[in-house]
Amino acid sequence: MTKWVKPRCSPPPQNETEMLTMSDAPFWKTKSLAQMSNTEWESLCDGCGLCCLNKLEDWDTGDVVFTSVACQLLDGESCQCSDYPNRFATVPDCIQLNLKLVNEIGWLPPTCAYALVRDGEDLYWWHHLVSGDPETVHIAGISGRGRTVNELNVEVDDFENYVVDWPLTVGEQPEAQQR
C-alpha cells in the first residue's frame, strides 16, 4: 500500500514576505503543544475517536494492538465522548491525552493532530480546524464512525477477536483504488 499524498494547509514560508504574514498563521503552526492554551489543546483533537478504542498489549513484547471495541462512552456515530465532562466517574482508567502522554505513547494513529504538531507537521485538509467542518474527518474515512462495537456488548476475554489494524492505516489508500 502507498499512502495518500498528504495535502496540508500550506507549505512553509519561502521568503521574508511570506514570513511577515506568519502572525496570521493558525495557532498550531506558531505554537508548540506546550505553549497552547487549554482551549487550543482541546480544539486540536480531530474527533476521530480512535483514542477511545480499547487496545491490547502483549506482556512479553510490549506490542500494542488496536481493537474495534470502543469505550462505553464513545458515541459510535459522532465519535465523541457521550459524557466528556464526567468521563472519569464512569471510566476511571480513561486516558486523557496531555503533553507528557503525547510524547511517550507509541500508539497514536498516524493522523493524530497532537502527534503531527508534536513532530512539526501540519494538519490534514480534513481536520475541522482546516476545513471548518467537523464532518470532514468522517467523510475522509479517518474516524471510527461505523466501525466500532461498544465495550458493554463484548466480554473482555473476547477483545482479542476484535483486533484491527485500520486505526494505524487510516489515510492509506488500497492499491486497487490507486489506479
N, C-alpha and C. Protein backbone atom coordinates (compact mmCIF):
# COMPACT_ATOMS: atom_id res chain seq x y z
N MET A 1 0.83 -1.18 0.00
CA MET A 1 0.00 0.00 0.00
C MET A 1 0.87 1.24 0.00
N THR A 2 0.38 2.24 -0.63
CA THR A 2 1.05 3.53 -0.56
C THR A 2 0.12 4.52 0.11
N LYS A 3 0.70 5.50 0.71
CA LYS A 3 -0.11 6.47 1.43
C LYS A 3 -0.60 7.55 0.48
N TRP A 4 -1.73 8.14 0.86
CA TRP A 4 -2.23 9.29 0.12
C TRP A 4 -1.19 10.38 0.17
N VAL A 5 -1.21 11.21 -0.83
CA VAL A 5 -0.42 12.42 -0.75
C VAL A 5 -1.04 13.23 0.37
N LYS A 6 -0.22 13.76 1.22
CA LYS A 6 -0.72 14.45 2.40
C LYS A 6 -1.00 15.92 2.09
N PRO A 7 -2.22 16.24 1.64
CA PRO A 7 -2.50 17.65 1.39
C PRO A 7 -2.54 18.39 2.71
N ARG A 8 -1.74 19.38 2.83
CA ARG A 8 -1.66 20.15 4.06
C ARG A 8 -2.20 21.54 3.80
N CYS A 9 -2.31 22.30 4.88
CA CYS A 9 -2.86 23.65 4.78
C CYS A 9 -2.06 24.50 3.81
N SER A 10 -0.78 24.58 4.03
CA SER A 10 0.08 25.39 3.18
C SER A 10 1.52 24.99 3.43
N PRO A 11 2.37 25.25 2.45
CA PRO A 11 3.79 24.93 2.64
C PRO A 11 4.43 25.95 3.58
N PRO A 12 5.61 25.65 4.10
CA PRO A 12 6.29 26.61 4.96
C PRO A 12 6.67 27.86 4.17
N PRO A 13 6.87 28.99 4.86
CA PRO A 13 7.21 30.22 4.15
C PRO A 13 8.52 30.07 3.38
N GLN A 14 8.55 30.64 2.19
CA GLN A 14 9.71 30.53 1.32
C GLN A 14 10.57 31.79 1.30
N ASN A 15 10.01 32.92 1.76
CA ASN A 15 10.76 34.17 1.72
C ASN A 15 10.30 35.09 2.84
N GLU A 16 10.94 36.26 2.93
CA GLU A 16 10.64 37.19 4.02
C GLU A 16 9.20 37.70 3.97
N THR A 17 8.68 37.94 2.77
CA THR A 17 7.30 38.42 2.65
C THR A 17 6.33 37.40 3.23
N GLU A 18 6.54 36.15 2.90
CA GLU A 18 5.68 35.11 3.45
C GLU A 18 5.85 35.01 4.95
N MET A 19 7.06 35.20 5.45
CA MET A 19 7.30 35.11 6.89
C MET A 19 6.59 36.23 7.64
N LEU A 20 6.47 37.39 7.02
CA LEU A 20 5.79 38.50 7.67
C LEU A 20 4.32 38.19 7.93
N THR A 21 3.74 37.34 7.10
CA THR A 21 2.33 37.01 7.28
C THR A 21 2.14 35.85 8.26
N MET A 22 3.23 35.35 8.83
CA MET A 22 3.13 34.23 9.76
C MET A 22 2.34 34.59 11.01
N SER A 23 2.26 35.91 11.35
CA SER A 23 1.47 36.30 12.51
C SER A 23 0.00 35.97 12.30
N ASP A 24 -0.40 35.83 11.05
CA ASP A 24 -1.77 35.44 10.74
C ASP A 24 -1.93 33.92 10.71
N ALA A 25 -0.86 33.22 10.92
CA ALA A 25 -0.89 31.76 10.85
C ALA A 25 -1.70 31.20 12.02
N PRO A 26 -2.35 30.07 11.80
CA PRO A 26 -3.12 29.45 12.89
C PRO A 26 -2.22 29.00 14.03
N PHE A 27 -2.80 28.89 15.20
CA PHE A 27 -2.02 28.61 16.41
C PHE A 27 -1.19 27.33 16.32
N TRP A 28 -1.67 26.31 15.64
CA TRP A 28 -0.92 25.05 15.60
C TRP A 28 0.35 25.16 14.74
N LYS A 29 0.46 26.23 13.96
CA LYS A 29 1.67 26.46 13.17
C LYS A 29 2.66 27.35 13.91
N THR A 30 2.19 28.07 14.91
CA THR A 30 3.06 29.03 15.58
C THR A 30 3.39 28.66 17.02
N LYS A 31 2.68 27.70 17.57
CA LYS A 31 2.89 27.31 18.96
C LYS A 31 3.26 25.84 19.05
N SER A 32 4.05 25.53 20.05
CA SER A 32 4.30 24.12 20.36
C SER A 32 3.11 23.63 21.19
N LEU A 33 3.01 22.33 21.36
CA LEU A 33 1.94 21.79 22.20
C LEU A 33 2.01 22.38 23.60
N ALA A 34 3.20 22.56 24.12
CA ALA A 34 3.38 23.08 25.48
C ALA A 34 2.92 24.53 25.61
N GLN A 35 2.91 25.27 24.52
CA GLN A 35 2.53 26.68 24.55
C GLN A 35 1.03 26.90 24.38
N MET A 36 0.30 25.87 24.04
CA MET A 36 -1.13 26.03 23.75
C MET A 36 -1.95 26.23 25.02
N SER A 37 -2.99 27.03 24.87
CA SER A 37 -3.96 27.19 25.95
C SER A 37 -4.80 25.92 26.02
N ASN A 38 -5.54 25.75 27.08
CA ASN A 38 -6.41 24.58 27.22
C ASN A 38 -7.43 24.54 26.08
N THR A 39 -7.97 25.69 25.71
CA THR A 39 -8.94 25.75 24.62
C THR A 39 -8.30 25.32 23.30
N GLU A 40 -7.10 25.81 23.03
CA GLU A 40 -6.40 25.41 21.81
C GLU A 40 -6.10 23.92 21.82
N TRP A 41 -5.63 23.41 22.96
CA TRP A 41 -5.32 21.99 23.10
C TRP A 41 -6.55 21.15 22.79
N GLU A 42 -7.66 21.47 23.42
CA GLU A 42 -8.89 20.69 23.22
C GLU A 42 -9.36 20.77 21.78
N SER A 43 -9.22 21.94 21.15
CA SER A 43 -9.69 22.09 19.77
C SER A 43 -8.82 21.32 18.78
N LEU A 44 -7.61 20.98 19.19
CA LEU A 44 -6.70 20.25 18.31
C LEU A 44 -7.18 18.82 18.05
N CYS A 45 -7.95 18.27 18.96
CA CYS A 45 -8.49 16.92 18.76
C CYS A 45 -9.33 16.91 17.49
N ASP A 46 -9.06 15.95 16.59
CA ASP A 46 -9.78 15.92 15.31
C ASP A 46 -11.12 15.20 15.39
N GLY A 47 -11.43 14.58 16.53
CA GLY A 47 -12.72 13.93 16.69
C GLY A 47 -12.83 12.60 15.98
N CYS A 48 -11.71 11.92 15.78
CA CYS A 48 -11.75 10.63 15.08
C CYS A 48 -12.24 9.50 15.97
N GLY A 49 -12.06 9.63 17.28
CA GLY A 49 -12.49 8.61 18.22
C GLY A 49 -11.53 7.44 18.37
N LEU A 50 -10.41 7.45 17.69
CA LEU A 50 -9.50 6.31 17.72
C LEU A 50 -8.80 6.15 19.07
N CYS A 51 -8.63 7.23 19.80
CA CYS A 51 -8.03 7.12 21.14
C CYS A 51 -8.93 6.34 22.08
N CYS A 52 -10.22 6.32 21.77
CA CYS A 52 -11.20 5.68 22.65
C CYS A 52 -11.43 4.21 22.33
N LEU A 53 -10.61 3.67 21.45
CA LEU A 53 -10.68 2.23 21.17
C LEU A 53 -9.84 1.50 22.20
N ASN A 54 -10.32 0.35 22.64
CA ASN A 54 -9.54 -0.47 23.56
C ASN A 54 -8.35 -1.06 22.82
N LYS A 55 -7.24 -1.10 23.52
CA LYS A 55 -6.00 -1.64 22.96
C LYS A 55 -5.55 -2.81 23.82
N LEU A 56 -4.86 -3.73 23.22
CA LEU A 56 -4.30 -4.88 23.93
C LEU A 56 -2.79 -4.81 23.85
N GLU A 57 -2.14 -5.09 24.96
CA GLU A 57 -0.68 -5.08 24.99
C GLU A 57 -0.15 -6.48 25.27
N ASP A 58 0.79 -6.90 24.45
CA ASP A 58 1.45 -8.18 24.66
C ASP A 58 2.44 -7.99 25.81
N TRP A 59 2.25 -8.71 26.89
CA TRP A 59 3.08 -8.54 28.08
C TRP A 59 4.53 -8.93 27.84
N ASP A 60 4.76 -9.83 26.90
CA ASP A 60 6.13 -10.27 26.62
C ASP A 60 6.90 -9.28 25.75
N THR A 61 6.22 -8.74 24.73
CA THR A 61 6.91 -7.88 23.77
C THR A 61 6.64 -6.39 23.98
N GLY A 62 5.53 -6.08 24.65
CA GLY A 62 5.13 -4.68 24.81
C GLY A 62 4.39 -4.13 23.60
N ASP A 63 4.21 -4.97 22.58
CA ASP A 63 3.48 -4.53 21.39
C ASP A 63 2.04 -4.22 21.75
N VAL A 64 1.51 -3.15 21.16
CA VAL A 64 0.14 -2.74 21.41
C VAL A 64 -0.64 -2.87 20.10
N VAL A 65 -1.82 -3.46 20.18
CA VAL A 65 -2.70 -3.57 19.02
C VAL A 65 -4.04 -2.93 19.36
N PHE A 66 -4.68 -2.39 18.34
CA PHE A 66 -6.00 -1.80 18.49
C PHE A 66 -7.06 -2.87 18.35
N THR A 67 -8.19 -2.63 19.00
CA THR A 67 -9.39 -3.43 18.76
C THR A 67 -10.46 -2.47 18.24
N SER A 68 -11.51 -3.01 17.69
CA SER A 68 -12.64 -2.18 17.27
C SER A 68 -13.64 -2.02 18.41
N VAL A 69 -13.25 -2.45 19.60
CA VAL A 69 -14.10 -2.33 20.79
C VAL A 69 -13.87 -0.94 21.40
N ALA A 70 -14.93 -0.15 21.39
CA ALA A 70 -14.83 1.23 21.85
C ALA A 70 -15.25 1.37 23.30
N CYS A 71 -14.73 2.39 23.93
CA CYS A 71 -15.13 2.77 25.28
C CYS A 71 -16.65 2.87 25.34
N GLN A 72 -17.19 2.51 26.47
CA GLN A 72 -18.64 2.56 26.64
C GLN A 72 -19.22 3.95 26.44
N LEU A 73 -18.42 4.99 26.60
CA LEU A 73 -18.91 6.35 26.45
C LEU A 73 -18.76 6.92 25.04
N LEU A 74 -18.08 6.19 24.17
CA LEU A 74 -17.89 6.70 22.81
C LEU A 74 -19.17 6.53 22.00
N ASP A 75 -19.66 7.61 21.46
CA ASP A 75 -20.80 7.57 20.55
C ASP A 75 -20.25 7.13 19.20
N GLY A 76 -20.66 5.96 18.73
CA GLY A 76 -20.11 5.38 17.51
C GLY A 76 -20.43 6.15 16.25
N GLU A 77 -21.42 7.03 16.29
CA GLU A 77 -21.78 7.84 15.13
C GLU A 77 -21.00 9.16 15.10
N SER A 78 -20.99 9.86 16.22
CA SER A 78 -20.30 11.16 16.26
C SER A 78 -18.81 11.01 16.56
N CYS A 79 -18.41 9.87 17.12
CA CYS A 79 -17.03 9.62 17.57
C CYS A 79 -16.61 10.59 18.67
N GLN A 80 -17.57 11.03 19.43
CA GLN A 80 -17.32 11.92 20.57
C GLN A 80 -17.71 11.20 21.85
N CYS A 81 -17.12 11.61 22.95
CA CYS A 81 -17.47 11.07 24.25
C CYS A 81 -18.87 11.54 24.62
N SER A 82 -19.70 10.63 25.05
CA SER A 82 -21.08 10.99 25.38
C SER A 82 -21.21 11.66 26.74
N ASP A 83 -20.14 11.66 27.53
CA ASP A 83 -20.16 12.32 28.84
C ASP A 83 -18.77 12.86 29.17
N TYR A 84 -18.22 13.64 28.26
CA TYR A 84 -16.84 14.11 28.38
C TYR A 84 -16.53 14.77 29.72
N PRO A 85 -17.37 15.69 30.21
CA PRO A 85 -17.02 16.36 31.48
C PRO A 85 -16.94 15.40 32.67
N ASN A 86 -17.70 14.31 32.64
CA ASN A 86 -17.77 13.38 33.77
C ASN A 86 -17.20 12.01 33.45
N ARG A 87 -16.41 11.90 32.41
CA ARG A 87 -15.97 10.59 31.92
C ARG A 87 -15.17 9.79 32.94
N PHE A 88 -14.42 10.45 33.79
CA PHE A 88 -13.59 9.73 34.76
C PHE A 88 -14.43 9.07 35.85
N ALA A 89 -15.64 9.56 36.09
CA ALA A 89 -16.53 8.94 37.07
C ALA A 89 -17.01 7.59 36.56
N THR A 90 -17.24 7.49 35.25
CA THR A 90 -17.71 6.24 34.65
C THR A 90 -16.56 5.35 34.23
N VAL A 91 -15.51 5.96 33.69
CA VAL A 91 -14.36 5.22 33.17
C VAL A 91 -13.10 5.74 33.86
N PRO A 92 -12.82 5.24 35.07
CA PRO A 92 -11.68 5.76 35.84
C PRO A 92 -10.33 5.64 35.13
N ASP A 93 -10.18 4.65 34.24
CA ASP A 93 -8.90 4.50 33.55
C ASP A 93 -8.87 5.17 32.17
N CYS A 94 -9.82 6.08 31.95
CA CYS A 94 -9.82 6.87 30.71
C CYS A 94 -8.47 7.59 30.60
N ILE A 95 -7.89 7.55 29.42
CA ILE A 95 -6.61 8.21 29.21
C ILE A 95 -6.86 9.60 28.64
N GLN A 96 -6.49 10.60 29.40
CA GLN A 96 -6.60 11.97 28.93
C GLN A 96 -5.27 12.36 28.32
N LEU A 97 -5.29 12.61 27.02
CA LEU A 97 -4.04 12.99 26.37
C LEU A 97 -3.54 14.31 26.93
N ASN A 98 -2.29 14.31 27.30
CA ASN A 98 -1.63 15.53 27.74
C ASN A 98 -0.25 15.55 27.09
N LEU A 99 0.48 16.61 27.33
CA LEU A 99 1.78 16.75 26.68
C LEU A 99 2.71 15.57 26.97
N LYS A 100 2.75 15.15 28.21
CA LYS A 100 3.63 14.03 28.58
C LYS A 100 3.23 12.76 27.83
N LEU A 101 1.94 12.44 27.81
CA LEU A 101 1.49 11.22 27.13
C LEU A 101 1.71 11.29 25.63
N VAL A 102 1.43 12.44 25.03
CA VAL A 102 1.64 12.57 23.59
C VAL A 102 3.10 12.31 23.23
N ASN A 103 4.00 12.68 24.11
CA ASN A 103 5.42 12.45 23.87
C ASN A 103 5.88 11.04 24.20
N GLU A 104 5.08 10.29 24.96
CA GLU A 104 5.50 8.97 25.42
C GLU A 104 4.83 7.80 24.71
N ILE A 105 3.53 7.89 24.47
CA ILE A 105 2.82 6.72 23.95
C ILE A 105 3.08 6.53 22.46
N GLY A 106 3.19 5.29 22.07
CA GLY A 106 3.51 4.98 20.69
C GLY A 106 2.33 4.53 19.85
N TRP A 107 1.14 4.55 20.42
CA TRP A 107 0.00 4.01 19.68
C TRP A 107 -0.90 5.07 19.07
N LEU A 108 -0.50 6.33 19.09
CA LEU A 108 -1.34 7.35 18.46
C LEU A 108 -1.43 7.07 16.96
N PRO A 109 -2.62 7.21 16.39
CA PRO A 109 -2.75 7.00 14.94
C PRO A 109 -1.85 7.97 14.18
N PRO A 110 -1.41 7.59 12.99
CA PRO A 110 -0.50 8.45 12.23
C PRO A 110 -1.12 9.79 11.83
N THR A 111 -2.43 9.88 11.89
CA THR A 111 -3.12 11.11 11.52
C THR A 111 -3.44 11.99 12.72
N CYS A 112 -3.08 11.58 13.92
CA CYS A 112 -3.42 12.31 15.14
C CYS A 112 -2.81 13.72 15.11
N ALA A 113 -3.66 14.72 15.31
CA ALA A 113 -3.21 16.11 15.26
C ALA A 113 -2.16 16.40 16.33
N TYR A 114 -2.30 15.80 17.49
CA TYR A 114 -1.32 16.03 18.56
C TYR A 114 0.07 15.53 18.13
N ALA A 115 0.10 14.36 17.53
CA ALA A 115 1.38 13.81 17.07
C ALA A 115 1.93 14.61 15.90
N LEU A 116 1.06 15.04 14.99
CA LEU A 116 1.52 15.84 13.86
C LEU A 116 2.16 17.14 14.32
N VAL A 117 1.48 17.86 15.22
CA VAL A 117 2.02 19.13 15.72
C VAL A 117 3.29 18.88 16.52
N ARG A 118 3.29 17.84 17.34
CA ARG A 118 4.49 17.48 18.10
C ARG A 118 5.69 17.30 17.17
N ASP A 119 5.44 16.69 16.00
CA ASP A 119 6.51 16.38 15.06
C ASP A 119 6.77 17.50 14.05
N GLY A 120 6.14 18.66 14.24
CA GLY A 120 6.35 19.80 13.35
C GLY A 120 5.63 19.70 12.03
N GLU A 121 4.64 18.83 11.96
CA GLU A 121 3.86 18.65 10.74
C GLU A 121 2.62 19.54 10.78
N ASP A 122 2.00 19.71 9.63
CA ASP A 122 0.77 20.48 9.55
C ASP A 122 -0.43 19.54 9.66
N LEU A 123 -1.59 20.11 9.83
CA LEU A 123 -2.82 19.31 9.92
C LEU A 123 -3.29 18.94 8.51
N TYR A 124 -4.01 17.85 8.42
CA TYR A 124 -4.57 17.40 7.15
C TYR A 124 -5.76 18.26 6.74
N TRP A 125 -6.10 18.22 5.48
CA TRP A 125 -7.20 19.01 4.94
C TRP A 125 -8.53 18.72 5.62
N TRP A 126 -8.70 17.50 6.12
CA TRP A 126 -9.98 17.09 6.70
C TRP A 126 -10.12 17.48 8.17
N HIS A 127 -9.08 17.99 8.78
CA HIS A 127 -9.17 18.40 10.19
C HIS A 127 -10.12 19.58 10.29
N HIS A 128 -10.99 19.57 11.28
CA HIS A 128 -12.01 20.62 11.39
C HIS A 128 -11.43 22.02 11.52
N LEU A 129 -10.23 22.17 12.06
CA LEU A 129 -9.62 23.50 12.16
C LEU A 129 -9.18 24.01 10.79
N VAL A 130 -8.99 23.11 9.85
CA VAL A 130 -8.62 23.48 8.49
C VAL A 130 -9.87 23.60 7.61
N SER A 131 -10.71 22.58 7.66
CA SER A 131 -11.88 22.53 6.79
C SER A 131 -13.03 23.39 7.28
N GLY A 132 -13.06 23.64 8.59
CA GLY A 132 -14.19 24.38 9.15
C GLY A 132 -15.41 23.52 9.39
N ASP A 133 -15.27 22.22 9.17
CA ASP A 133 -16.42 21.31 9.29
C ASP A 133 -16.01 20.04 10.03
N PRO A 134 -16.61 19.77 11.19
CA PRO A 134 -16.25 18.56 11.95
C PRO A 134 -16.62 17.25 11.24
N GLU A 135 -17.39 17.32 10.18
CA GLU A 135 -17.77 16.11 9.44
C GLU A 135 -16.67 15.61 8.51
N THR A 136 -15.72 16.46 8.15
CA THR A 136 -14.73 16.04 7.15
C THR A 136 -13.85 14.89 7.63
N VAL A 137 -13.62 14.77 8.94
CA VAL A 137 -12.85 13.63 9.46
C VAL A 137 -13.57 12.32 9.16
N HIS A 138 -14.90 12.36 9.15
CA HIS A 138 -15.70 11.17 8.85
C HIS A 138 -15.79 10.96 7.33
N ILE A 139 -16.01 12.04 6.61
CA ILE A 139 -16.11 11.96 5.15
C ILE A 139 -14.82 11.39 4.55
N ALA A 140 -13.69 11.76 5.12
CA ALA A 140 -12.40 11.29 4.63
C ALA A 140 -12.09 9.85 5.05
N GLY A 141 -12.95 9.26 5.88
CA GLY A 141 -12.74 7.87 6.31
C GLY A 141 -11.67 7.71 7.37
N ILE A 142 -11.37 8.76 8.10
CA ILE A 142 -10.32 8.72 9.10
C ILE A 142 -10.84 8.23 10.45
N SER A 143 -12.08 8.51 10.74
CA SER A 143 -12.64 8.22 12.07
C SER A 143 -13.10 6.77 12.22
N GLY A 144 -13.52 6.48 13.42
CA GLY A 144 -14.06 5.15 13.72
C GLY A 144 -15.54 5.02 13.42
N ARG A 145 -16.15 6.04 12.85
CA ARG A 145 -17.59 6.00 12.58
C ARG A 145 -17.99 4.73 11.83
N GLY A 146 -18.95 4.01 12.42
CA GLY A 146 -19.48 2.81 11.79
C GLY A 146 -18.58 1.59 11.86
N ARG A 147 -17.47 1.68 12.57
CA ARG A 147 -16.51 0.57 12.60
C ARG A 147 -16.28 0.00 13.99
N THR A 148 -17.05 0.45 14.97
CA THR A 148 -16.78 0.04 16.34
C THR A 148 -17.96 -0.68 16.97
N VAL A 149 -17.67 -1.36 18.06
CA VAL A 149 -18.69 -2.00 18.88
C VAL A 149 -18.44 -1.53 20.31
N ASN A 150 -19.51 -1.28 21.04
CA ASN A 150 -19.39 -0.78 22.41
C ASN A 150 -18.88 -1.88 23.32
N GLU A 151 -17.96 -1.52 24.22
CA GLU A 151 -17.35 -2.50 25.12
C GLU A 151 -18.36 -3.18 26.03
N LEU A 152 -19.50 -2.56 26.25
CA LEU A 152 -20.53 -3.19 27.09
C LEU A 152 -21.16 -4.39 26.41
N ASN A 153 -20.95 -4.51 25.09
CA ASN A 153 -21.52 -5.61 24.32
C ASN A 153 -20.52 -6.72 24.02
N VAL A 154 -19.32 -6.63 24.61
CA VAL A 154 -18.27 -7.62 24.33
C VAL A 154 -17.63 -8.05 25.65
N GLU A 155 -17.49 -9.34 25.84
CA GLU A 155 -16.78 -9.85 27.02
C GLU A 155 -15.29 -9.51 26.88
N VAL A 156 -14.67 -9.10 27.96
CA VAL A 156 -13.25 -8.73 27.94
C VAL A 156 -12.40 -9.85 27.36
N ASP A 157 -12.72 -11.09 27.68
CA ASP A 157 -11.95 -12.22 27.16
C ASP A 157 -12.06 -12.36 25.64
N ASP A 158 -13.06 -11.71 25.05
CA ASP A 158 -13.26 -11.78 23.60
C ASP A 158 -12.64 -10.60 22.85
N PHE A 159 -12.05 -9.65 23.54
CA PHE A 159 -11.48 -8.47 22.88
C PHE A 159 -10.49 -8.86 21.79
N GLU A 160 -9.72 -9.92 22.02
CA GLU A 160 -8.72 -10.31 21.02
C GLU A 160 -9.36 -10.74 19.70
N ASN A 161 -10.64 -11.06 19.72
CA ASN A 161 -11.35 -11.39 18.48
C ASN A 161 -11.69 -10.14 17.66
N TYR A 162 -11.43 -8.98 18.23
CA TYR A 162 -11.76 -7.71 17.59
C TYR A 162 -10.51 -6.90 17.22
N VAL A 163 -9.36 -7.54 17.18
CA VAL A 163 -8.12 -6.85 16.82
C VAL A 163 -8.21 -6.36 15.37
N VAL A 164 -7.85 -5.10 15.16
CA VAL A 164 -7.90 -4.48 13.84
C VAL A 164 -6.62 -3.67 13.60
N ASP A 165 -6.30 -3.45 12.34
CA ASP A 165 -5.14 -2.60 12.05
C ASP A 165 -5.53 -1.27 11.43
N TRP A 166 -6.81 -1.09 11.10
CA TRP A 166 -7.18 0.15 10.42
C TRP A 166 -6.89 1.43 11.20
N PRO A 167 -6.87 1.45 12.53
CA PRO A 167 -6.51 2.72 13.18
C PRO A 167 -5.08 3.18 12.86
N LEU A 168 -4.22 2.26 12.50
CA LEU A 168 -2.84 2.62 12.16
C LEU A 168 -2.64 2.81 10.67
N THR A 169 -3.67 2.53 9.88
CA THR A 169 -3.54 2.67 8.44
C THR A 169 -4.54 3.67 7.87
N VAL A 170 -5.26 4.40 8.74
CA VAL A 170 -6.19 5.40 8.21
C VAL A 170 -5.40 6.39 7.38
N GLY A 171 -5.98 6.79 6.28
CA GLY A 171 -5.28 7.70 5.38
C GLY A 171 -4.55 6.98 4.27
N GLU A 172 -4.42 5.67 4.39
CA GLU A 172 -3.81 4.90 3.31
C GLU A 172 -4.89 4.51 2.33
N GLN A 173 -4.51 4.39 1.10
CA GLN A 173 -5.45 4.05 0.06
C GLN A 173 -5.13 2.65 -0.46
N PRO A 174 -6.13 1.76 -0.54
CA PRO A 174 -5.87 0.43 -1.08
C PRO A 174 -5.31 0.52 -2.50
N GLU A 175 -4.40 -0.40 -2.83
CA GLU A 175 -3.75 -0.38 -4.14
C GLU A 175 -4.76 -0.42 -5.28
N ALA A 176 -5.84 -1.17 -5.11
CA ALA A 176 -6.83 -1.29 -6.18
C ALA A 176 -7.47 0.06 -6.50
N GLN A 177 -7.56 0.95 -5.51
CA GLN A 177 -8.20 2.24 -5.73
C GLN A 177 -7.22 3.28 -6.27
N GLN A 178 -5.95 2.96 -6.33
CA GLN A 178 -4.95 3.93 -6.77
C GLN A 178 -4.87 4.02 -8.29
N ARG A 179 -5.42 3.07 -8.97
CA ARG A 179 -5.28 3.04 -10.43
C ARG A 179 -6.34 3.83 -11.12
